[in-house]
C-alpha atoms as a PDB file:
ATOM      1  CA  MET A   1      55.763 233.931-128.280  1.00  0.00           C
ATOM      2  CA  ALA A   2      58.866 236.295-127.612  1.00  0.00           C
ATOM      3  CA  LEU A   3      57.845 239.821-126.259  1.00  0.00           C
ATOM      4  CA  LEU A   4      60.953 241.376-128.398  1.00  0.00           C
ATOM      5  CA  GLU A   5      62.306 239.607-131.713  1.00  0.00           C
ATOM      6  CA  VAL A   6      65.332 241.235-133.187  1.00  0.00           C
ATOM      7  CA  GLU A   7      66.331 239.658-136.729  1.00  0.00           C
ATOM      8  CA  GLN A   8      69.488 240.653-138.582  1.00  0.00           C
ATOM      9  CA  LEU A   9      69.982 244.087-136.907  1.00  0.00           C
ATOM     10  CA  SER A  10      72.488 246.352-138.538  1.00  0.00           C
ATOM     11  CA  VAL A  11      73.835 249.898-137.578  1.00  0.00           C
ATOM     12  CA  ARG A  12      75.941 251.808-139.789  1.00  0.00           C
ATOM     13  CA  PHE A  13      77.368 255.340-139.282  1.00  0.00           C
ATOM     14  CA  THR A  14      78.490 257.510-142.338  1.00  0.00           C
ATOM     15  CA  ARG A  15      81.590 259.659-141.840  1.00  0.00           C
ATOM     16  CA  ARG A  16      83.030 262.788-143.718  1.00  0.00           C
ATOM     17  CA  ASP A  17      86.610 261.841-143.108  1.00  0.00           C
ATOM     18  CA  GLY A  18      86.682 258.190-143.765  1.00  0.00           C
ATOM     19  CA  PRO A  19      84.616 254.866-144.618  1.00  0.00           C
ATOM     20  CA  PRO A  20      81.556 254.005-142.965  1.00  0.00           C
ATOM     21  CA  VAL A  21      81.576 252.569-139.481  1.00  0.00           C
ATOM     22  CA  GLN A  22      79.433 249.243-139.096  1.00  0.00           C
ATOM     23  CA  ALA A  23      78.789 249.462-135.483  1.00  0.00           C
ATOM     24  CA  VAL A  24      76.348 246.540-135.302  1.00  0.00           C
ATOM     25  CA  ASP A  25      76.238 243.754-137.895  1.00  0.00           C
ATOM     26  CA  ASP A  26      73.570 241.089-138.261  1.00  0.00           C
ATOM     27  CA  VAL A  27      72.496 240.706-134.552  1.00  0.00           C
ATOM     28  CA  SER A  28      69.654 238.716-133.623  1.00  0.00           C
ATOM     29  CA  PHE A  29      68.028 237.636-130.405  1.00  0.00           C
ATOM     30  CA  ALA A  30      64.727 237.194-128.910  1.00  0.00           C
ATOM     31  CA  LEU A  31      63.493 238.088-125.217  1.00  0.00           C
ATOM     32  CA  GLU A  32      60.592 236.627-123.310  1.00  0.00           C
ATOM     33  CA  ALA A  33      58.477 238.110-120.655  1.00  0.00           C
ATOM     34  CA  GLY A  34      60.179 237.764-117.363  1.00  0.00           C
ATOM     35  CA  ARG A  35      63.513 236.782-118.481  1.00  0.00           C
ATOM     36  CA  THR A  36      66.909 238.691-118.395  1.00  0.00           C
ATOM     37  CA  LEU A  37      69.226 238.989-121.341  1.00  0.00           C
ATOM     38  CA  GLY A  38      72.737 240.094-120.656  1.00  0.00           C
ATOM     39  CA  ILE A  39      74.577 241.729-123.627  1.00  0.00           C
ATOM     40  CA  VAL A  40      78.346 241.450-122.804  1.00  0.00           C
ATOM     41  CA  GLY A  41      81.558 242.701-124.446  1.00  0.00           C
ATOM     42  CA  GLU A  42      84.429 245.213-124.285  1.00  0.00           C
ATOM     43  CA  SER A  43      83.710 248.866-125.084  1.00  0.00           C
ATOM     44  CA  GLY A  44      83.076 249.587-128.541  1.00  0.00           C
ATOM     45  CA  SER A  45      81.510 246.041-129.287  1.00  0.00           C
ATOM     46  CA  GLY A  46      78.212 247.582-130.129  1.00  0.00           C
ATOM     47  CA  LYS A  47      76.082 246.784-127.004  1.00  0.00           C
ATOM     48  CA  SER A  48      74.693 250.217-126.490  1.00  0.00           C
ATOM     49  CA  GLN A  49      74.180 250.866-130.082  1.00  0.00           C
ATOM     50  CA  THR A  50      72.063 247.852-130.483  1.00  0.00           C
ATOM     51  CA  VAL A  51      69.458 248.879-127.946  1.00  0.00           C
ATOM     52  CA  LEU A  52      69.569 252.503-128.962  1.00  0.00           C
ATOM     53  CA  ALA A  53      68.732 251.537-132.596  1.00  0.00           C
ATOM     54  CA  LEU A  54      65.478 249.554-131.145  1.00  0.00           C
ATOM     55  CA  LEU A  55      64.398 252.976-129.596  1.00  0.00           C
ATOM     56  CA  GLY A  56      65.117 255.333-132.390  1.00  0.00           C
ATOM     57  CA  LEU A  57      67.711 257.069-130.338  1.00  0.00           C
ATOM     58  CA  LEU A  58      70.900 256.870-132.604  1.00  0.00           C
ATOM     59  CA  ALA A  59      72.650 259.880-134.177  1.00  0.00           C
ATOM     60  CA  SER A  60      71.284 261.326-137.431  1.00  0.00           C
ATOM     61  CA  ASN A  61      74.161 259.853-139.373  1.00  0.00           C
ATOM     62  CA  ALA A  62      73.182 256.245-138.675  1.00  0.00           C
ATOM     63  CA  THR A  63      71.376 253.969-140.904  1.00  0.00           C
ATOM     64  CA  VAL A  64      69.637 251.040-139.392  1.00  0.00           C
ATOM     65  CA  GLY A  65      68.477 247.653-141.095  1.00  0.00           C
ATOM     66  CA  GLY A  66      66.844 244.581-140.129  1.00  0.00           C
ATOM     67  CA  LYS A  67      63.746 243.810-138.033  1.00  0.00           C
ATOM     68  CA  ALA A  68      62.766 244.598-134.196  1.00  0.00           C
ATOM     69  CA  ARG A  69      59.343 243.181-133.411  1.00  0.00           C
ATOM     70  CA  TYR A  70      57.662 244.165-130.421  1.00  0.00           C
ATOM     71  CA  GLU A  71      54.412 242.589-129.725  1.00  0.00           C
ATOM     72  CA  GLY A  72      54.226 242.141-133.808  1.00  0.00           C
ATOM     73  CA  GLN A  73      55.187 245.896-134.379  1.00  0.00           C
ATOM     74  CA  ASP A  74      58.490 246.572-136.078  1.00  0.00           C
ATOM     75  CA  LEU A  75      60.198 249.336-134.165  1.00  0.00           C
ATOM     76  CA  LEU A  76      62.680 250.077-136.718  1.00  0.00           C
ATOM     77  CA  VAL A  77      59.975 251.353-139.201  1.00  0.00           C
ATOM     78  CA  MET A  78      57.598 252.714-136.844  1.00  0.00           C
ATOM     79  CA  HIS A  79      56.596 256.509-137.170  1.00  0.00           C
ATOM     80  CA  ARG A  80      58.154 258.676-134.489  1.00  0.00           C
ATOM     81  CA  ARG A  81      54.976 259.513-132.785  1.00  0.00           C
ATOM     82  CA  ALA A  82      53.822 255.898-132.461  1.00  0.00           C
ATOM     83  CA  LEU A  83      57.587 255.198-130.955  1.00  0.00           C
ATOM     84  CA  ASN A  84      57.199 257.881-128.668  1.00  0.00           C
ATOM     85  CA  THR A  85      53.977 256.005-127.251  1.00  0.00           C
ATOM     86  CA  LEU A  86      56.279 253.147-126.382  1.00  0.00           C
ATOM     87  CA  ARG A  87      59.316 254.739-125.187  1.00  0.00           C
ATOM     88  CA  GLY A  88      59.460 255.663-121.498  1.00  0.00           C
ATOM     89  CA  ASN A  89      55.951 253.586-121.292  1.00  0.00           C
ATOM     90  CA  ARG A  90      56.196 249.929-122.474  1.00  0.00           C
ATOM     91  CA  ILE A  91      59.974 250.005-123.263  1.00  0.00           C
ATOM     92  CA  ALA A  92      62.076 252.019-120.706  1.00  0.00           C
ATOM     93  CA  ILE A  93      65.720 252.611-120.467  1.00  0.00           C
ATOM     94  CA  VAL A  94      68.232 253.312-117.604  1.00  0.00           C
ATOM     95  CA  PHE A  95      71.351 255.079-118.859  1.00  0.00           C
ATOM     96  CA  GLN A  96      74.773 254.291-117.254  1.00  0.00           C
ATOM     97  CA  ASP A  97      75.444 257.840-115.996  1.00  0.00           C
ATOM     98  CA  PRO A  98      72.475 258.963-113.697  1.00  0.00           C
ATOM     99  CA  MET A  99      73.979 262.527-113.296  1.00  0.00           C
ATOM    100  CA  THR A 100      73.545 263.220-117.147  1.00  0.00           C
ATOM    101  CA  SER A 101      70.547 261.153-117.728  1.00  0.00           C
ATOM    102  CA  LEU A 102      68.809 263.258-114.874  1.00  0.00           C
ATOM    103  CA  ASN A 103      68.065 267.029-115.518  1.00  0.00           C
ATOM    104  CA  PRO A 104      69.850 269.012-112.949  1.00  0.00           C
ATOM    105  CA  PHE A 105      67.476 271.784-113.214  1.00  0.00           C
ATOM    106  CA  LEU A 106      64.294 269.894-112.328  1.00  0.00           C
ATOM    107  CA  THR A 107      63.232 268.390-109.422  1.00  0.00           C
ATOM    108  CA  ILE A 108      62.916 264.497-109.160  1.00  0.00           C
ATOM    109  CA  GLU A 109      59.224 264.851-108.930  1.00  0.00           C
ATOM    110  CA  ARG A 110      58.801 266.898-112.041  1.00  0.00           C
ATOM    111  CA  GLN A 111      61.002 264.244-114.025  1.00  0.00           C
ATOM    112  CA  MET A 112      59.128 261.359-112.725  1.00  0.00           C
ATOM    113  CA  THR A 113      55.539 262.599-113.106  1.00  0.00           C
ATOM    114  CA  GLU A 114      55.907 263.927-116.673  1.00  0.00           C
ATOM    115  CA  PRO A 115      55.624 260.540-118.249  1.00  0.00           C
ATOM    116  CA  LEU A 116      52.897 259.656-116.114  1.00  0.00           C
ATOM    117  CA  GLN A 117      50.898 262.581-117.112  1.00  0.00           C
ATOM    118  CA  LEU A 118      51.951 262.228-120.746  1.00  0.00           C
ATOM    119  CA  HIS A 119      51.251 258.314-121.319  1.00  0.00           C
ATOM    120  CA  ARG A 120      48.749 257.576-118.569  1.00  0.00           C
ATOM    121  CA  LYS A 121      46.897 260.899-118.597  1.00  0.00           C
ATOM    122  CA  MET A 122      47.084 260.980-114.716  1.00  0.00           C
ATOM    123  CA  SER A 123      46.385 264.204-112.887  1.00  0.00           C
ATOM    124  CA  ARG A 124      49.538 265.735-111.091  1.00  0.00           C
ATOM    125  CA  ARG A 125      48.374 264.582-107.740  1.00  0.00           C
ATOM    126  CA  GLU A 126      47.858 261.012-108.907  1.00  0.00           C
ATOM    127  CA  ALA A 127      51.025 260.931-110.725  1.00  0.00           C
ATOM    128  CA  ARG A 128      53.025 262.314-107.468  1.00  0.00           C
ATOM    129  CA  LYS A 129      51.467 259.477-105.606  1.00  0.00           C
ATOM    130  CA  ARG A 130      52.593 256.854-108.087  1.00  0.00           C
ATOM    131  CA  ALA A 131      56.074 258.565-108.255  1.00  0.00           C
ATOM    132  CA  ILE A 132      56.534 258.344-104.476  1.00  0.00           C
ATOM    133  CA  GLU A 133      55.469 254.657-104.672  1.00  0.00           C
ATOM    134  CA  ALA A 134      58.012 253.833-107.216  1.00  0.00           C
ATOM    135  CA  LEU A 135      60.832 255.484-105.308  1.00  0.00           C
ATOM    136  CA  GLU A 136      59.681 253.600-102.332  1.00  0.00           C
ATOM    137  CA  ARG A 137      59.745 250.365-104.482  1.00  0.00           C
ATOM    138  CA  VAL A 138      63.516 251.025-105.068  1.00  0.00           C
ATOM    139  CA  HIS A 139      64.045 251.506-101.464  1.00  0.00           C
ATOM    140  CA  ILE A 140      64.633 255.399-101.376  1.00  0.00           C
ATOM    141  CA  PRO A 141      64.334 256.317 -97.775  1.00  0.00           C
ATOM    142  CA  ASP A 142      61.602 259.294 -96.770  1.00  0.00           C
ATOM    143  CA  ALA A 143      60.457 259.196-100.497  1.00  0.00           C
ATOM    144  CA  ALA A 144      57.470 261.620 -99.881  1.00  0.00           C
ATOM    145  CA  ARG A 145      60.179 264.372 -98.794  1.00  0.00           C
ATOM    146  CA  ARG A 146      62.957 263.582-101.152  1.00  0.00           C
ATOM    147  CA  ILE A 147      60.804 263.544-104.379  1.00  0.00           C
ATOM    148  CA  GLY A 148      61.084 267.325-104.041  1.00  0.00           C
ATOM    149  CA  MET A 149      64.691 267.441-104.238  1.00  0.00           C
ATOM    150  CA  TYR A 150      67.287 267.869-107.081  1.00  0.00           C
ATOM    151  CA  PRO A 151      69.525 265.244-108.601  1.00  0.00           C
ATOM    152  CA  HIS A 152      72.697 266.825-107.155  1.00  0.00           C
ATOM    153  CA  GLU A 153      71.134 266.262-103.538  1.00  0.00           C
ATOM    154  CA  PHE A 154      71.458 262.608-104.114  1.00  0.00           C
ATOM    155  CA  SER A 155      74.446 260.143-103.793  1.00  0.00           C
ATOM    156  CA  GLY A 156      75.624 258.279-106.945  1.00  0.00           C
ATOM    157  CA  GLY A 157      74.005 255.092-105.736  1.00  0.00           C
ATOM    158  CA  MET A 158      70.796 257.006-104.717  1.00  0.00           C
ATOM    159  CA  ARG A 159      70.580 258.632-108.205  1.00  0.00           C
ATOM    160  CA  GLN A 160      70.895 255.324-109.927  1.00  0.00           C
ATOM    161  CA  ARG A 161      67.952 254.263-108.072  1.00  0.00           C
ATOM    162  CA  VAL A 162      66.073 257.187-108.851  1.00  0.00           C
ATOM    163  CA  THR A 163      66.744 256.538-112.778  1.00  0.00           C
ATOM    164  CA  ILE A 164      65.436 253.050-111.982  1.00  0.00           C
ATOM    165  CA  ALA A 165      62.379 254.421-110.439  1.00  0.00           C
ATOM    166  CA  MET A 166      61.682 256.652-113.273  1.00  0.00           C
ATOM    167  CA  ALA A 167      62.113 253.829-115.721  1.00  0.00           C
ATOM    168  CA  LEU A 168      59.657 251.757-113.766  1.00  0.00           C
ATOM    169  CA  VAL A 169      56.936 254.207-112.766  1.00  0.00           C
ATOM    170  CA  THR A 170      55.020 253.590-115.852  1.00  0.00           C
ATOM    171  CA  GLU A 171      55.383 249.780-115.383  1.00  0.00           C
ATOM    172  CA  PRO A 172      56.922 248.855-118.624  1.00  0.00           C
ATOM    173  CA  ARG A 173      57.143 245.402-119.999  1.00  0.00           C
ATOM    174  CA  ILE A 174      60.623 245.720-121.089  1.00  0.00           C
ATOM    175  CA  LEU A 175      63.603 247.320-119.025  1.00  0.00           C
ATOM    176  CA  ILE A 176      66.836 248.241-120.581  1.00  0.00           C
ATOM    177  CA  ALA A 177      69.526 248.639-118.231  1.00  0.00           C
ATOM    178  CA  ASP A 178      72.828 250.077-119.783  1.00  0.00           C
ATOM    179  CA  GLU A 179      75.705 249.616-117.522  1.00  0.00           C
ATOM    180  CA  PRO A 180      73.457 250.353-114.417  1.00  0.00           C
ATOM    181  CA  THR A 181      76.555 249.457-112.021  1.00  0.00           C
ATOM    182  CA  THR A 182      79.201 251.695-113.635  1.00  0.00           C
ATOM    183  CA  ALA A 183      81.280 253.927-111.241  1.00  0.00           C
ATOM    184  CA  LEU A 184      79.328 252.588-108.183  1.00  0.00           C
ATOM    185  CA  ASP A 185      81.331 250.841-105.414  1.00  0.00           C
ATOM    186  CA  VAL A 186      80.779 247.164-104.819  1.00  0.00           C
ATOM    187  CA  THR A 187      78.176 247.414-102.084  1.00  0.00           C
ATOM    188  CA  VAL A 188      75.992 249.669-104.089  1.00  0.00           C
ATOM    189  CA  GLN A 189      76.683 247.343-107.153  1.00  0.00           C
ATOM    190  CA  ALA A 190      75.430 244.392-105.330  1.00  0.00           C
ATOM    191  CA  GLN A 191      72.270 246.538-103.922  1.00  0.00           C
ATOM    192  CA  ILE A 192      71.362 247.389-107.618  1.00  0.00           C
ATOM    193  CA  VAL A 193      71.555 244.000-108.775  1.00  0.00           C
ATOM    194  CA  ASP A 194      69.493 242.834-106.027  1.00  0.00           C
ATOM    195  CA  LEU A 195      66.978 245.485-106.969  1.00  0.00           C
ATOM    196  CA  LEU A 196      66.752 244.547-110.610  1.00  0.00           C
ATOM    197  CA  ARG A 197      66.326 240.887-109.563  1.00  0.00           C
ATOM    198  CA  GLU A 198      63.580 241.645-107.281  1.00  0.00           C
ATOM    199  CA  LEU A 199      61.629 243.956-109.895  1.00  0.00           C
ATOM    200  CA  ASN A 200      62.322 241.223-112.599  1.00  0.00           C
ATOM    201  CA  ARG A 201      60.595 238.563-110.256  1.00  0.00           C
ATOM    202  CA  GLU A 202      57.831 240.514-108.728  1.00  0.00           C
ATOM    203  CA  ARG A 203      56.762 242.339-111.775  1.00  0.00           C
ATOM    204  CA  ASP A 204      57.654 239.863-114.498  1.00  0.00           C
ATOM    205  CA  THR A 205      59.522 242.558-116.260  1.00  0.00           C
ATOM    206  CA  ALA A 206      61.844 241.348-119.172  1.00  0.00           C
ATOM    207  CA  ILE A 207      65.216 242.929-118.730  1.00  0.00           C
ATOM    208  CA  ILE A 208      68.093 243.598-121.187  1.00  0.00           C
ATOM    209  CA  LEU A 209      71.312 244.186-119.223  1.00  0.00           C
ATOM    210  CA  ILE A 210      74.173 245.801-120.901  1.00  0.00           C
ATOM    211  CA  THR A 211      77.322 245.268-119.242  1.00  0.00           C
ATOM    212  CA  HIS A 212      81.108 244.098-119.230  1.00  0.00           C
ATOM    213  CA  ASP A 213      80.921 242.708-115.685  1.00  0.00           C
ATOM    214  CA  MET A 214      80.532 239.089-116.074  1.00  0.00           C
ATOM    215  CA  GLY A 215      79.899 238.812-112.313  1.00  0.00           C
ATOM    216  CA  VAL A 216      76.751 240.985-112.735  1.00  0.00           C
ATOM    217  CA  VAL A 217      75.750 238.832-115.430  1.00  0.00           C
ATOM    218  CA  ALA A 218      76.147 235.579-113.442  1.00  0.00           C
ATOM    219  CA  GLY A 219      74.160 237.063-110.643  1.00  0.00           C
ATOM    220  CA  LEU A 220      71.285 238.316-112.627  1.00  0.00           C
ATOM    221  CA  CYS A 221      70.833 236.938-116.270  1.00  0.00           C
ATOM    222  CA  ASP A 222      68.940 233.894-117.522  1.00  0.00           C
ATOM    223  CA  ASP A 223      70.490 234.223-121.221  1.00  0.00           C
ATOM    224  CA  VAL A 224      73.685 235.727-122.410  1.00  0.00           C
ATOM    225  CA  MET A 225      74.904 237.279-125.747  1.00  0.00           C
ATOM    226  CA  VAL A 226      78.514 238.032-126.218  1.00  0.00           C
ATOM    227  CA  MET A 227      79.501 240.699-128.777  1.00  0.00           C
ATOM    228  CA  TYR A 228      82.777 241.487-130.371  1.00  0.00           C
ATOM    229  CA  ALA A 229      83.543 244.250-133.208  1.00  0.00           C
ATOM    230  CA  GLY A 230      79.575 244.538-133.621  1.00  0.00           C
ATOM    231  CA  ARG A 231      78.777 240.956-134.211  1.00  0.00           C
ATOM    232  CA  THR A 232      77.445 238.199-131.833  1.00  0.00           C
ATOM    233  CA  VAL A 233      80.183 235.686-131.194  1.00  0.00           C
ATOM    234  CA  GLU A 234      78.263 233.351-128.648  1.00  0.00           C
ATOM    235  CA  GLN A 235      74.901 233.194-127.296  1.00  0.00           C
ATOM    236  CA  ALA A 236      73.607 230.712-124.773  1.00  0.00           C
ATOM    237  CA  SER A 237      71.876 230.311-121.276  1.00  0.00           C
ATOM    238  CA  ALA A 238      74.013 231.897-118.564  1.00  0.00           C
ATOM    239  CA  ALA A 239      74.344 228.478-116.687  1.00  0.00           C
ATOM    240  CA  GLN A 240      75.858 226.815-119.999  1.00  0.00           C
ATOM    241  CA  LEU A 241      77.952 230.055-120.842  1.00  0.00           C
ATOM    242  CA  PHE A 242      79.621 229.956-117.439  1.00  0.00           C
ATOM    243  CA  ALA A 243      79.995 226.215-117.132  1.00  0.00           C
ATOM    244  CA  SER A 244      81.472 225.661-120.467  1.00  0.00           C
ATOM    245  CA  PRO A 245      82.188 228.750-122.754  1.00  0.00           C
ATOM    246  CA  THR A 246      82.915 227.748-126.493  1.00  0.00           C
ATOM    247  CA  HIS A 247      84.247 230.799-128.243  1.00  0.00           C
ATOM    248  CA  PRO A 248      87.824 231.986-127.841  1.00  0.00           C
ATOM    249  CA  TYR A 249      86.746 235.398-126.919  1.00  0.00           C
ATOM    250  CA  THR A 250      84.200 234.314-124.273  1.00  0.00           C
ATOM    251  CA  ILE A 251      86.808 232.062-122.801  1.00  0.00           C
ATOM    252  CA  GLY A 252      89.266 234.999-122.710  1.00  0.00           C
ATOM    253  CA  LEU A 253      86.612 237.137-120.832  1.00  0.00           C
ATOM    254  CA  MET A 254      86.162 234.309-118.102  1.00  0.00           C
ATOM    255  CA  ASN A 255      89.901 233.860-117.812  1.00  0.00           C
ATOM    256  CA  ALA A 256      90.121 237.458-117.035  1.00  0.00           C
ATOM    257  CA  LEU A 257      87.922 237.296-114.000  1.00  0.00           C
ATOM    258  CA  PRO A 258      89.557 236.873-110.515  1.00  0.00           C
ATOM    259  CA  ARG A 259      88.644 233.601-108.744  1.00  0.00           C
ATOM    260  CA  LEU A 260      87.651 233.076-105.117  1.00  0.00           C
ATOM    261  CA  ASP A 261      89.578 229.843-104.850  1.00  0.00           C
ATOM    262  CA  ASP A 262      92.628 231.485-106.261  1.00  0.00           C
ATOM    263  CA  ALA A 263      95.541 231.526-103.696  1.00  0.00           C
ATOM    264  CA  GLY A 264      96.169 235.232-104.815  1.00  0.00           C
ATOM    265  CA  ASP A 265      99.661 234.944-106.283  1.00  0.00           C
ATOM    266  CA  ALA A 266      98.688 234.144-109.867  1.00  0.00           C
ATOM    267  CA  PRO A 267      98.435 237.167-112.270  1.00  0.00           C
ATOM    268  CA  LEU A 268      95.117 237.765-114.039  1.00  0.00           C
ATOM    269  CA  VAL A 269      95.106 236.567-117.657  1.00  0.00           C
ATOM    270  CA  THR A 270      94.467 239.311-120.052  1.00  0.00           C
ATOM    271  CA  ILE A 271      93.359 239.134-123.859  1.00  0.00           C
ATOM    272  CA  ALA A 272      96.268 240.223-125.810  1.00  0.00           C
ATOM    273  CA  GLY A 273      95.788 243.082-128.376  1.00  0.00           C
ATOM    274  CA  ASN A 274      93.099 245.503-129.046  1.00  0.00           C
ATOM    275  CA  PRO A 275      89.726 245.389-130.865  1.00  0.00           C
ATOM    276  CA  PRO A 276      89.657 246.530-134.541  1.00  0.00           C
ATOM    277  CA  MET A 277      89.550 250.343-134.900  1.00  0.00           C
ATOM    278  CA  PRO A 278      86.174 251.963-136.117  1.00  0.00           C
ATOM    279  CA  GLY A 279      85.842 251.507-139.765  1.00  0.00           C
ATOM    280  CA  GLU A 280      88.177 248.581-139.970  1.00  0.00           C
ATOM    281  CA  ALA A 281      86.332 245.440-141.640  1.00  0.00           C
ATOM    282  CA  PRO A 282      88.443 242.254-141.269  1.00  0.00           C
ATOM    283  CA  ALA A 283      88.019 239.813-144.151  1.00  0.00           C
ATOM    284  CA  GLY A 284      87.860 236.893-141.784  1.00  0.00           C
ATOM    285  CA  CYS A 285      87.166 236.640-137.906  1.00  0.00           C
ATOM    286  CA  ALA A 286      87.408 240.080-136.204  1.00  0.00           C
ATOM    287  CA  PHE A 287      89.007 238.412-133.280  1.00  0.00           C
ATOM    288  CA  ALA A 288      91.514 236.369-135.088  1.00  0.00           C
ATOM    289  CA  LYS A 289      94.584 238.590-134.405  1.00  0.00           C
ATOM    290  CA  ARG A 290      93.769 238.328-130.731  1.00  0.00           C
ATOM    291  CA  CYS A 291      92.897 234.689-130.751  1.00  0.00           C
ATOM    292  CA  PRO A 292      95.352 232.051-129.453  1.00  0.00           C
ATOM    293  CA  TYR A 293      93.547 229.140-131.331  1.00  0.00           C
ATOM    294  CA  ALA A 294      93.562 231.167-134.725  1.00  0.00           C
ATOM    295  CA  GLN A 295      94.349 229.418-138.096  1.00  0.00           C
ATOM    296  CA  ASP A 296      94.781 230.461-141.527  1.00  0.00           C
ATOM    297  CA  ARG A 297      91.147 230.187-142.639  1.00  0.00           C
ATOM    298  CA  CYS A 298      90.008 232.402-139.513  1.00  0.00           C
ATOM    299  CA  THR A 299      91.736 235.482-141.240  1.00  0.00           C
ATOM    300  CA  GLY A 300      90.290 234.748-144.495  1.00  0.00           C
ATOM    301  CA  THR A 301      86.695 233.553-143.993  1.00  0.00           C
ATOM    302  CA  ARG A 302      84.318 234.924-141.456  1.00  0.00           C
ATOM    303  CA  PRO A 303      82.532 232.255-139.488  1.00  0.00           C
ATOM    304  CA  THR A 304      78.753 232.434-139.296  1.00  0.00           C
ATOM    305  CA  LEU A 305      76.808 232.049-136.081  1.00  0.00           C
ATOM    306  CA  GLN A 306      75.636 228.348-135.790  1.00  0.00           C
ATOM    307  CA  ALA A 307      73.968 226.198-133.365  1.00  0.00           C
ATOM    308  CA  TRP A 308      76.242 223.579-131.861  1.00  0.00           C
ATOM    309  CA  GLY A 309      75.733 220.471-129.645  1.00  0.00           C
ATOM    310  CA  GLY A 310      75.124 222.118-126.470  1.00  0.00           C
ATOM    311  CA  GLN A 311      71.628 223.142-124.826  1.00  0.00           C
ATOM    312  CA  SER A 312      69.012 224.342-127.096  1.00  0.00           C
ATOM    313  CA  GLY A 313      69.631 227.806-128.471  1.00  0.00           C
ATOM    314  CA  SER A 314      73.331 227.922-127.927  1.00  0.00           C
ATOM    315  CA  LEU A 315      74.976 229.564-130.781  1.00  0.00           C
ATOM    316  CA  ARG A 316      78.811 230.531-131.687  1.00  0.00           C
ATOM    317  CA  ALA A 317      80.555 231.740-134.577  1.00  0.00           C
ATOM    318  CA  CYS A 318      84.020 230.161-134.731  1.00  0.00           C
ATOM    319  CA  HIS A 319      85.704 227.859-136.942  1.00  0.00           C
ATOM    320  CA  ARG A 320      87.506 225.780-134.445  1.00  0.00           C
ATOM    321  CA  PRO A 321      85.361 222.800-133.157  1.00  0.00           C
ATOM    322  CA  VAL A 322      84.183 222.990-129.779  1.00  0.00           C
ATOM    323  CA  ALA A 323      85.795 219.720-128.747  1.00  0.00           C
ATOM    324  CA  VAL A 324      89.129 220.951-130.327  1.00  0.00           C
ATOM    325  CA  ILE A 325      89.077 224.048-128.064  1.00  0.00           C
ATOM    326  CA  ALA A 326      88.001 222.160-125.075  1.00  0.00           C
ATOM    327  CA  GLU A 327      90.828 219.856-125.398  1.00  0.00           C
ATOM    328  CA  GLU A 328      93.427 222.849-125.900  1.00  0.00           C
ATOM    329  CA  ILE A 329      92.254 224.583-122.555  1.00  0.00           C
ATOM    330  CA  ARG A 330      92.918 221.452-120.823  1.00  0.00           C
END
């Protein structure tokens, strides 16, 4: 049985100056213990809104539909008090900007011990000991001394490690990492990915990784869900997706990656055009205007997410048959 089951999740924002914005539309996925799901796509594709909806952290003008069962409990209809017992406890999140997610006026100790005292009813001394252990687990040197420091006294990479330690201090069953390597140099990115992989293996923690970096996905994820304009366009195991992507948007993302075996003189391939503006609702496929394989029916009828003849659990939303696209790519 899956640890988390999301069915037909939708998120809509009302606006005073225009039509409602459908940020997430009919998204479904399942997450098992010990596995890592990567959610990828361009900015504005609905990745972050998907997980914020699960935790009840959306803006007040949002309307959420669907179901999201965690251990049989629907998070979307759960009372806020009950949800508070899960957030930061059984389900934790690492935000993409550690400087804004950490309180600059409080020490790291205060910020890390509070959830332990709240959720686990620990004494201050017990909570401090657990917090130091969490910092050591994410390889913060001299943790016993540095726990008394403020966020601005840490480098960007160290602050990100602190936010991961804060998320893991209560030993959650699910860790949500929202762009955890953004704005970090390549070396620190690799260290963060290694750290998440280590925690996933040692603690059997399920991870949802939100990113636009396909390289990070390749190094960490078991399964991948590709989102575009608020909808899932392809879903498969990471091995299947990287070996043979089947949706034109996924193919475009893959082609935009630099290759190690390239001589260096070929320009990077980009996806032409831009994603739909907020509030736009194309009648057909949202990617049709940017798709090199689009036909007339693509602009008139929206494709449904369906299984295809790949590995078990492989889904795609495209009118063009997989074999036809594979032939055109060649």
